[in-house]
Amino acid sequence: MYYLLIYKTVDDYVGKRAPYRDGHLAYSNAAHDRGELVMGGALADPADSAILVFKAESPAVAEDFARNDPYVKAGLIREWSVRPWTVVIGD
């Protein structure tokens, strides 16, 4: 099953994320290497949200990711949610 982790970012997120970016990317790459995180990235124009796609047996994988993400811990994410995603076309 696929799950979308949807982040709502704080104002000036792009300007504030620099001190935490390396940690967030290392954390994200580790989840990708384990096969949990399929892809992810920030939305642009405006950069007020980000979406990460997980493939897992339950939403707990995405929820645990969010709780431990350096961006969330640093307060750069004002809210997050996990939604199941029914893929109709594609993998």
PDB file of N, CA and C in Angstrom:
ATOM      1  N   MET A   1       0.843  -1.173   0.000  1.00  0.00           N
ATOM      2  CA  MET A   1       0.000   0.000   0.000  1.00  0.00           C
ATOM      3  C   MET A   1       0.892   1.241   0.000  1.00  0.00           C
ATOM      4  N   TYR A   2       0.415   2.271  -0.652  1.00  0.00           N
ATOM      5  CA  TYR A   2       1.133   3.540  -0.663  1.00  0.00           C
ATOM      6  C   TYR A   2       0.483   4.506   0.331  1.00  0.00           C
ATOM      7  N   TYR A   3       1.326   5.339   0.919  1.00  0.00           N
ATOM      8  CA  TYR A   3       0.861   6.366   1.841  1.00  0.00           C
ATOM      9  C   TYR A   3       1.539   7.683   1.497  1.00  0.00           C
ATOM     10  N   LEU A   4       0.757   8.757   1.522  1.00  0.00           N
ATOM     11  CA  LEU A   4       1.297  10.091   1.320  1.00  0.00           C
ATOM     12  C   LEU A   4       1.496  10.738   2.687  1.00  0.00           C
ATOM     13  N   LEU A   5       2.687  11.222   2.919  1.00  0.00           N
ATOM     14  CA  LEU A   5       2.970  12.050   4.090  1.00  0.00           C
ATOM     15  C   LEU A   5       2.945  13.484   3.589  1.00  0.00           C
ATOM     16  N   ILE A   6       2.009  14.252   4.097  1.00  0.00           N
ATOM     17  CA  ILE A   6       1.808  15.619   3.622  1.00  0.00           C
ATOM     18  C   ILE A   6       2.248  16.585   4.718  1.00  0.00           C
ATOM     19  N   TYR A   7       3.230  17.394   4.382  1.00  0.00           N
ATOM     20  CA  TYR A   7       3.739  18.405   5.305  1.00  0.00           C
ATOM     21  C   TYR A   7       3.202  19.779   4.917  1.00  0.00           C
ATOM     22  N   LYS A   8       2.833  20.567   5.905  1.00  0.00           N
ATOM     23  CA  LYS A   8       2.536  21.989   5.733  1.00  0.00           C
ATOM     24  C   LYS A   8       3.677  22.720   6.418  1.00  0.00           C
ATOM     25  N   THR A   9       4.395  23.525   5.663  1.00  0.00           N
ATOM     26  CA  THR A   9       5.602  24.149   6.189  1.00  0.00           C
ATOM     27  C   THR A   9       5.325  25.530   6.788  1.00  0.00           C
ATOM     28  N   VAL A  10       6.251  25.983   7.605  1.00  0.00           N
ATOM     29  CA  VAL A  10       6.155  27.314   8.203  1.00  0.00           C
ATOM     30  C   VAL A  10       6.487  28.372   7.146  1.00  0.00           C
ATOM     31  N   ASP A  11       6.142  29.606   7.441  1.00  0.00           N
ATOM     32  CA  ASP A  11       6.511  30.714   6.560  1.00  0.00           C
ATOM     33  C   ASP A  11       8.029  30.774   6.440  1.00  0.00           C
ATOM     34  N   ASP A  12       8.525  31.111   5.261  1.00  0.00           N
ATOM     35  CA  ASP A  12       9.948  31.193   4.957  1.00  0.00           C
ATOM     36  C   ASP A  12      10.685  29.888   5.252  1.00  0.00           C
ATOM     37  N   TYR A  13      10.005  28.792   4.998  1.00  0.00           N
ATOM     38  CA  TYR A  13      10.577  27.461   5.195  1.00  0.00           C
ATOM     39  C   TYR A  13      11.898  27.294   4.457  1.00  0.00           C
ATOM     40  N   VAL A  14      11.952  27.739   3.209  1.00  0.00           N
ATOM     41  CA  VAL A  14      13.165  27.577   2.405  1.00  0.00           C
ATOM     42  C   VAL A  14      14.337  28.305   3.051  1.00  0.00           C
ATOM     43  N   GLY A  15      14.091  29.485   3.580  1.00  0.00           N
ATOM     44  CA  GLY A  15      15.155  30.240   4.232  1.00  0.00           C
ATOM     45  C   GLY A  15      15.575  29.675   5.574  1.00  0.00           C
ATOM     46  N   LYS A  16      14.667  29.008   6.257  1.00  0.00           N
ATOM     47  CA  LYS A  16      14.934  28.490   7.607  1.00  0.00           C
ATOM     48  C   LYS A  16      15.481  27.066   7.635  1.00  0.00           C
ATOM     49  N   ARG A  17      15.382  26.328   6.544  1.00  0.00           N
ATOM     50  CA  ARG A  17      15.717  24.909   6.585  1.00  0.00           C
ATOM     51  C   ARG A  17      17.208  24.595   6.515  1.00  0.00           C
ATOM     52  N   ALA A  18      18.038  25.542   6.099  1.00  0.00           N
ATOM     53  CA  ALA A  18      19.463  25.269   5.847  1.00  0.00           C
ATOM     54  C   ALA A  18      20.177  24.534   6.981  1.00  0.00           C
ATOM     55  N   PRO A  19      20.011  24.923   8.261  1.00  0.00           N
ATOM     56  CA  PRO A  19      20.748  24.233   9.320  1.00  0.00           C
ATOM     57  C   PRO A  19      20.331  22.768   9.526  1.00  0.00           C
ATOM     58  N   TYR A  20      19.174  22.397   9.012  1.00  0.00           N
ATOM     59  CA  TYR A  20      18.620  21.058   9.233  1.00  0.00           C
ATOM     60  C   TYR A  20      18.589  20.210   7.968  1.00  0.00           C
ATOM     61  N   ARG A  21      18.951  20.810   6.846  1.00  0.00           N
ATOM     62  CA  ARG A  21      18.798  20.136   5.551  1.00  0.00           C
ATOM     63  C   ARG A  21      19.643  18.875   5.429  1.00  0.00           C
ATOM     64  N   ASP A  22      20.901  18.924   5.819  1.00  0.00           N
ATOM     65  CA  ASP A  22      21.749  17.727   5.714  1.00  0.00           C
ATOM     66  C   ASP A  22      21.180  16.586   6.547  1.00  0.00           C
ATOM     67  N   GLY A  23      20.735  16.884   7.755  1.00  0.00           N
ATOM     68  CA  GLY A  23      20.143  15.854   8.608  1.00  0.00           C
ATOM     69  C   GLY A  23      18.867  15.287   8.025  1.00  0.00           C
ATOM     70  N   HIS A  24      18.028  16.162   7.486  1.00  0.00           N
ATOM     71  CA  HIS A  24      16.776  15.712   6.870  1.00  0.00           C
ATOM     72  C   HIS A  24      17.056  14.835   5.655  1.00  0.00           C
ATOM     73  N   LEU A  25      18.011  15.252   4.826  1.00  0.00           N
ATOM     74  CA  LEU A  25      18.315  14.461   3.622  1.00  0.00           C
ATOM     75  C   LEU A  25      18.942  13.119   3.988  1.00  0.00           C
ATOM     76  N   ALA A  26      19.814  13.074   4.980  1.00  0.00           N
ATOM     77  CA  ALA A  26      20.403  11.805   5.414  1.00  0.00           C
ATOM     78  C   ALA A  26      19.311  10.880   5.959  1.00  0.00           C
ATOM     79  N   TYR A  27      18.420  11.431   6.748  1.00  0.00           N
ATOM     80  CA  TYR A  27      17.304  10.674   7.316  1.00  0.00           C
ATOM     81  C   TYR A  27      16.393  10.149   6.202  1.00  0.00           C
ATOM     82  N   SER A  28      16.097  10.993   5.223  1.00  0.00           N
ATOM     83  CA  SER A  28      15.244  10.610   4.095  1.00  0.00           C
ATOM     84  C   SER A  28      15.916   9.558   3.220  1.00  0.00           C
ATOM     85  N   ASN A  29      17.197   9.739   2.951  1.00  0.00           N
ATOM     86  CA  ASN A  29      17.920   8.757   2.135  1.00  0.00           C
ATOM     87  C   ASN A  29      17.988   7.396   2.811  1.00  0.00           C
ATOM     88  N   ALA A  30      18.100   7.364   4.128  1.00  0.00           N
ATOM     89  CA  ALA A  30      18.105   6.091   4.859  1.00  0.00           C
ATOM     90  C   ALA A  30      16.756   5.381   4.691  1.00  0.00           C
ATOM     91  N   ALA A  31      15.665   6.132   4.760  1.00  0.00           N
ATOM     92  CA  ALA A  31      14.337   5.548   4.562  1.00  0.00           C
ATOM     93  C   ALA A  31      14.175   5.057   3.124  1.00  0.00           C
ATOM     94  N   HIS A  32      14.733   5.783   2.189  1.00  0.00           N
ATOM     95  CA  HIS A  32      14.701   5.370   0.779  1.00  0.00           C
ATOM     96  C   HIS A  32      15.517   4.097   0.588  1.00  0.00           C
ATOM     97  N   ASP A  33      16.692   4.036   1.192  1.00  0.00           N
ATOM     98  CA  ASP A  33      17.545   2.844   1.078  1.00  0.00           C
ATOM     99  C   ASP A  33      16.872   1.603   1.667  1.00  0.00           C
ATOM    100  N   ARG A  34      16.039   1.787   2.687  1.00  0.00           N
ATOM    101  CA  ARG A  34      15.304   0.661   3.290  1.00  0.00           C
ATOM    102  C   ARG A  34      14.101   0.257   2.441  1.00  0.00           C
ATOM    103  N   GLY A  35      13.785   1.042   1.403  1.00  0.00           N
ATOM    104  CA  GLY A  35      12.649   0.735   0.548  1.00  0.00           C
ATOM    105  C   GLY A  35      11.323   1.275   1.061  1.00  0.00           C
ATOM    106  N   GLU A  36      11.349   2.101   2.084  1.00  0.00           N
ATOM    107  CA  GLU A  36      10.114   2.658   2.646  1.00  0.00           C
ATOM    108  C   GLU A  36       9.694   3.928   1.917  1.00  0.00           C
ATOM    109  N   LEU A  37      10.620   4.841   1.736  1.00  0.00           N
ATOM    110  CA  LEU A  37      10.341   6.119   1.076  1.00  0.00           C
ATOM    111  C   LEU A  37      10.595   5.964  -0.420  1.00  0.00           C
ATOM    112  N   VAL A  38       9.548   6.131  -1.208  1.00  0.00           N
ATOM    113  CA  VAL A  38       9.652   5.977  -2.655  1.00  0.00           C
ATOM    114  C   VAL A  38      10.193   7.253  -3.286  1.00  0.00           C
ATOM    115  N   MET A  39       9.624   8.381  -2.897  1.00  0.00           N
ATOM    116  CA  MET A  39      10.058   9.681  -3.407  1.00  0.00           C
ATOM    117  C   MET A  39       9.489  10.759  -2.511  1.00  0.00           C
ATOM    118  N   GLY A  40      10.070  11.947  -2.600  1.00  0.00           N
ATOM    119  CA  GLY A  40       9.562  13.047  -1.804  1.00  0.00           C
ATOM    120  C   GLY A  40      10.161  14.355  -2.255  1.00  0.00           C
ATOM    121  N   GLY A  41       9.498  15.441  -1.899  1.00  0.00           N
ATOM    122  CA  GLY A  41      10.016  16.756  -2.224  1.00  0.00           C
ATOM    123  C   GLY A  41       9.023  17.837  -1.868  1.00  0.00           C
ATOM    124  N   ALA A  42       9.526  19.061  -1.894  1.00  0.00           N
ATOM    125  CA  ALA A  42       8.709  20.227  -1.570  1.00  0.00           C
ATOM    126  C   ALA A  42       7.931  20.688  -2.798  1.00  0.00           C
ATOM    127  N   LEU A  43       6.741  21.211  -2.556  1.00  0.00           N
ATOM    128  CA  LEU A  43       5.984  21.845  -3.620  1.00  0.00           C
ATOM    129  C   LEU A  43       6.544  23.253  -3.817  1.00  0.00           C
ATOM    130  N   ALA A  44       6.419  23.767  -4.998  1.00  0.00           N
ATOM    131  CA  ALA A  44       6.991  25.075  -5.326  1.00  0.00           C
ATOM    132  C   ALA A  44       5.891  26.067  -5.698  1.00  0.00           C
ATOM    133  N   ASP A  45       6.256  27.329  -5.576  1.00  0.00           N
ATOM    134  CA  ASP A  45       5.416  28.446  -6.026  1.00  0.00           C
ATOM    135  C   ASP A  45       3.985  28.401  -5.490  1.00  0.00           C
ATOM    136  N   PRO A  46       3.771  28.488  -4.219  1.00  0.00           N
ATOM    137  CA  PRO A  46       4.717  28.751  -3.133  1.00  0.00           C
ATOM    138  C   PRO A  46       5.230  27.454  -2.506  1.00  0.00           C
ATOM    139  N   ALA A  47       6.352  27.550  -1.841  1.00  0.00           N
ATOM    140  CA  ALA A  47       6.952  26.408  -1.137  1.00  0.00           C
ATOM    141  C   ALA A  47       6.327  26.315   0.251  1.00  0.00           C
ATOM    142  N   ASP A  48       5.051  25.924   0.279  1.00  0.00           N
ATOM    143  CA  ASP A  48       4.321  25.876   1.543  1.00  0.00           C
ATOM    144  C   ASP A  48       3.959  24.470   1.986  1.00  0.00           C
ATOM    145  N   SER A  49       4.340  23.484   1.189  1.00  0.00           N
ATOM    146  CA  SER A  49       4.006  22.095   1.488  1.00  0.00           C
ATOM    147  C   SER A  49       5.069  21.182   0.911  1.00  0.00           C
ATOM    148  N   ALA A  50       5.063  19.952   1.400  1.00  0.00           N
ATOM    149  CA  ALA A  50       5.916  18.907   0.835  1.00  0.00           C
ATOM    150  C   ALA A  50       5.133  17.609   0.871  1.00  0.00           C
ATOM    151  N   ILE A  51       5.459  16.719  -0.048  1.00  0.00           N
ATOM    152  CA  ILE A  51       4.793  15.423  -0.109  1.00  0.00           C
ATOM    153  C   ILE A  51       5.863  14.343  -0.214  1.00  0.00           C
ATOM    154  N   LEU A  52       5.704  13.322   0.620  1.00  0.00           N
ATOM    155  CA  LEU A  52       6.596  12.172   0.602  1.00  0.00           C
ATOM    156  C   LEU A  52       5.741  10.934   0.385  1.00  0.00           C
ATOM    157  N   VAL A  53       6.152  10.065  -0.514  1.00  0.00           N
ATOM    158  CA  VAL A  53       5.400   8.867  -0.855  1.00  0.00           C
ATOM    159  C   VAL A  53       6.090   7.663  -0.221  1.00  0.00           C
ATOM    160  N   PHE A  54       5.338   6.918   0.579  1.00  0.00           N
ATOM    161  CA  PHE A  54       5.853   5.724   1.240  1.00  0.00           C
ATOM    162  C   PHE A  54       5.146   4.491   0.707  1.00  0.00           C
ATOM    163  N   LYS A  55       5.868   3.388   0.675  1.00  0.00           N
ATOM    164  CA  LYS A  55       5.279   2.090   0.352  1.00  0.00           C
ATOM    165  C   LYS A  55       5.524   1.206   1.565  1.00  0.00           C
ATOM    166  N   ALA A  56       4.416   0.800   2.217  1.00  0.00           N
ATOM    167  CA  ALA A  56       4.534   0.065   3.470  1.00  0.00           C
ATOM    168  C   ALA A  56       3.258  -0.732   3.727  1.00  0.00           C
ATOM    169  N   GLU A  57       3.323  -1.580   4.732  1.00  0.00           N
ATOM    170  CA  GLU A  57       2.163  -2.391   5.110  1.00  0.00           C
ATOM    171  C   GLU A  57       1.138  -1.592   5.920  1.00  0.00           C
ATOM    172  N   SER A  58       1.593  -0.496   6.544  1.00  0.00           N
ATOM    173  CA  SER A  58       0.682   0.305   7.350  1.00  0.00           C
ATOM    174  C   SER A  58       1.155   1.757   7.347  1.00  0.00           C
ATOM    175  N   PRO A  59       0.280   2.665   7.769  1.00  0.00           N
ATOM    176  CA  PRO A  59       0.673   4.077   7.823  1.00  0.00           C
ATOM    177  C   PRO A  59       1.709   4.367   8.910  1.00  0.00           C
ATOM    178  N   ALA A  60       1.937   3.432   9.800  1.00  0.00           N
ATOM    179  CA  ALA A  60       2.875   3.646  10.908  1.00  0.00           C
ATOM    180  C   ALA A  60       4.273   4.008  10.418  1.00  0.00           C
ATOM    181  N   VAL A  61       4.695   3.478   9.283  1.00  0.00           N
ATOM    182  CA  VAL A  61       6.027   3.777   8.755  1.00  0.00           C
ATOM    183  C   VAL A  61       6.144   5.268   8.445  1.00  0.00           C
ATOM    184  N   ALA A  62       5.161   5.830   7.756  1.00  0.00           N
ATOM    185  CA  ALA A  62       5.172   7.258   7.432  1.00  0.00           C
ATOM    186  C   ALA A  62       4.999   8.108   8.687  1.00  0.00           C
ATOM    187  N   GLU A  63       4.155   7.670   9.599  1.00  0.00           N
ATOM    188  CA  GLU A  63       3.935   8.411  10.844  1.00  0.00           C
ATOM    189  C   GLU A  63       5.214   8.458  11.684  1.00  0.00           C
ATOM    190  N   ASP A  64       5.888   7.335  11.804  1.00  0.00           N
ATOM    191  CA  ASP A  64       7.148   7.291  12.552  1.00  0.00           C
ATOM    192  C   ASP A  64       8.207   8.160  11.893  1.00  0.00           C
ATOM    193  N   PHE A  65       8.238   8.138  10.551  1.00  0.00           N
ATOM    194  CA  PHE A  65       9.172   8.999   9.826  1.00  0.00           C
ATOM    195  C   PHE A  65       8.930  10.454  10.216  1.00  0.00           C
ATOM    196  N   ALA A  66       7.683  10.879  10.160  1.00  0.00           N
ATOM    197  CA  ALA A  66       7.360  12.280  10.455  1.00  0.00           C
ATOM    198  C   ALA A  66       7.757  12.659  11.881  1.00  0.00           C
ATOM    199  N   ARG A  67       7.438  11.811  12.825  1.00  0.00           N
ATOM    200  CA  ARG A  67       7.735  12.129  14.229  1.00  0.00           C
ATOM    201  C   ARG A  67       9.229  12.313  14.482  1.00  0.00           C
ATOM    202  N   ASN A  68      10.066  11.660  13.682  1.00  0.00           N
ATOM    203  CA  ASN A  68      11.514  11.686  13.901  1.00  0.00           C
ATOM    204  C   ASN A  68      12.281  12.504  12.874  1.00  0.00           C
ATOM    205  N   ASP A  69      11.592  13.129  11.951  1.00  0.00           N
ATOM    206  CA  ASP A  69      12.231  13.935  10.909  1.00  0.00           C
ATOM    207  C   ASP A  69      12.860  15.188  11.530  1.00  0.00           C
ATOM    208  N   PRO A  70      14.126  15.469  11.220  1.00  0.00           N
ATOM    209  CA  PRO A  70      14.753  16.681  11.737  1.00  0.00           C
ATOM    210  C   PRO A  70      13.972  17.963  11.426  1.00  0.00           C
ATOM    211  N   TYR A  71      13.302  18.029  10.297  1.00  0.00           N
ATOM    212  CA  TYR A  71      12.504  19.212   9.978  1.00  0.00           C
ATOM    213  C   TYR A  71      11.327  19.360  10.955  1.00  0.00           C
ATOM    214  N   VAL A  72      10.673  18.253  11.275  1.00  0.00           N
ATOM    215  CA  VAL A  72       9.552  18.292  12.213  1.00  0.00           C
ATOM    216  C   VAL A  72      10.066  18.663  13.604  1.00  0.00           C
ATOM    217  N   LYS A  73      11.138  18.025  14.021  1.00  0.00           N
ATOM    218  CA  LYS A  73      11.699  18.293  15.345  1.00  0.00           C
ATOM    219  C   LYS A  73      12.159  19.747  15.494  1.00  0.00           C
ATOM    220  N   ALA A  74      12.597  20.354  14.393  1.00  0.00           N
ATOM    221  CA  ALA A  74      13.070  21.745  14.424  1.00  0.00           C
ATOM    222  C   ALA A  74      11.928  22.756  14.321  1.00  0.00           C
ATOM    223  N   GLY A  75      10.698  22.281  14.130  1.00  0.00           N
ATOM    224  CA  GLY A  75       9.559  23.192  14.044  1.00  0.00           C
ATOM    225  C   GLY A  75       9.337  23.794  12.678  1.00  0.00           C
ATOM    226  N   LEU A  76       9.954  23.227  11.639  1.00  0.00           N
ATOM    227  CA  LEU A  76       9.767  23.741  10.280  1.00  0.00           C
ATOM    228  C   LEU A  76       8.463  23.259   9.647  1.00  0.00           C
ATOM    229  N   ILE A  77       7.884  22.222  10.227  1.00  0.00           N
ATOM    230  CA  ILE A  77       6.624  21.666   9.732  1.00  0.00           C
ATOM    231  C   ILE A  77       5.547  22.032  10.743  1.00  0.00           C
ATOM    232  N   ARG A  78       4.577  22.831  10.295  1.00  0.00           N
ATOM    233  CA  ARG A  78       3.552  23.294  11.227  1.00  0.00           C
ATOM    234  C   ARG A  78       2.465  22.253  11.440  1.00  0.00           C
ATOM    235  N   GLU A  79       2.286  21.372  10.460  1.00  0.00           N
ATOM    236  CA  GLU A  79       1.368  20.237  10.621  1.00  0.00           C
ATOM    237  C   GLU A  79       1.687  19.188   9.578  1.00  0.00           C
ATOM    238  N   TRP A  80       1.337  17.955   9.892  1.00  0.00           N
ATOM    239  CA  TRP A  80       1.540  16.871   8.938  1.00  0.00           C
ATOM    240  C   TRP A  80       0.400  15.871   9.066  1.00  0.00           C
ATOM    241  N   SER A  81       0.184  15.142   7.982  1.00  0.00           N
ATOM    242  CA  SER A  81      -0.843  14.096   7.985  1.00  0.00           C
ATOM    243  C   SER A  81      -0.404  12.981   7.050  1.00  0.00           C
ATOM    244  N   VAL A  82      -0.942  11.810   7.288  1.00  0.00           N
ATOM    245  CA  VAL A  82      -0.673  10.645   6.443  1.00  0.00           C
ATOM    246  C   VAL A  82      -2.005  10.193   5.860  1.00  0.00           C
ATOM    247  N   ARG A  83      -1.991   9.990   4.540  1.00  0.00           N
ATOM    248  CA  ARG A  83      -3.199   9.539   3.837  1.00  0.00           C
ATOM    249  C   ARG A  83      -2.879   8.312   3.011  1.00  0.00           C
ATOM    250  N   PRO A  84      -3.736   7.291   3.041  1.00  0.00           N
ATOM    251  CA  PRO A  84      -3.550   6.163   2.135  1.00  0.00           C
ATOM    252  C   PRO A  84      -3.790   6.627   0.709  1.00  0.00           C
ATOM    253  N   TRP A  85      -3.015   6.077  -0.217  1.00  0.00           N
ATOM    254  CA  TRP A  85      -3.107   6.478  -1.608  1.00  0.00           C
ATOM    255  C   TRP A  85      -3.339   5.239  -2.456  1.00  0.00           C
ATOM    256  N   THR A  86      -4.484   5.204  -3.126  1.00  0.00           N
ATOM    257  CA  THR A  86      -4.814   4.103  -4.016  1.00  0.00           C
ATOM    258  C   THR A  86      -4.266   4.434  -5.395  1.00  0.00           C
ATOM    259  N   VAL A  87      -3.237   3.739  -5.793  1.00  0.00           N
ATOM    260  CA  VAL A  87      -2.622   3.967  -7.097  1.00  0.00           C
ATOM    261  C   VAL A  87      -3.388   3.175  -8.143  1.00  0.00           C
ATOM    262  N   VAL A  88      -3.828   3.859  -9.181  1.00  0.00           N
ATOM    263  CA  VAL A  88      -4.611   3.232 -10.241  1.00  0.00           C
ATOM    264  C   VAL A  88      -3.742   2.970 -11.470  1.00  0.00           C
ATOM    265  N   ILE A  89      -2.860   3.885 -11.787  1.00  0.00           N
ATOM    266  CA  ILE A  89      -1.978   3.740 -12.947  1.00  0.00           C
ATOM    267  C   ILE A  89      -0.547   3.839 -12.461  1.00  0.00           C
ATOM    268  N   GLY A  90       0.279   2.950 -12.897  1.00  0.00           N
ATOM    269  CA  GLY A  90       1.688   2.945 -12.500  1.00  0.00           C
ATOM    270  C   GLY A  90       1.963   1.794 -11.552  1.00  0.00           C
ATOM    271  N   ASP A  91       3.119   1.840 -10.960  1.00  0.00           N
ATOM    272  CA  ASP A  91       3.580   0.744 -10.093  1.00  0.00           C
ATOM    273  C   ASP A  91       2.745   0.638  -8.852  1.00  0.00           C
TER     274      ASP A  91
END
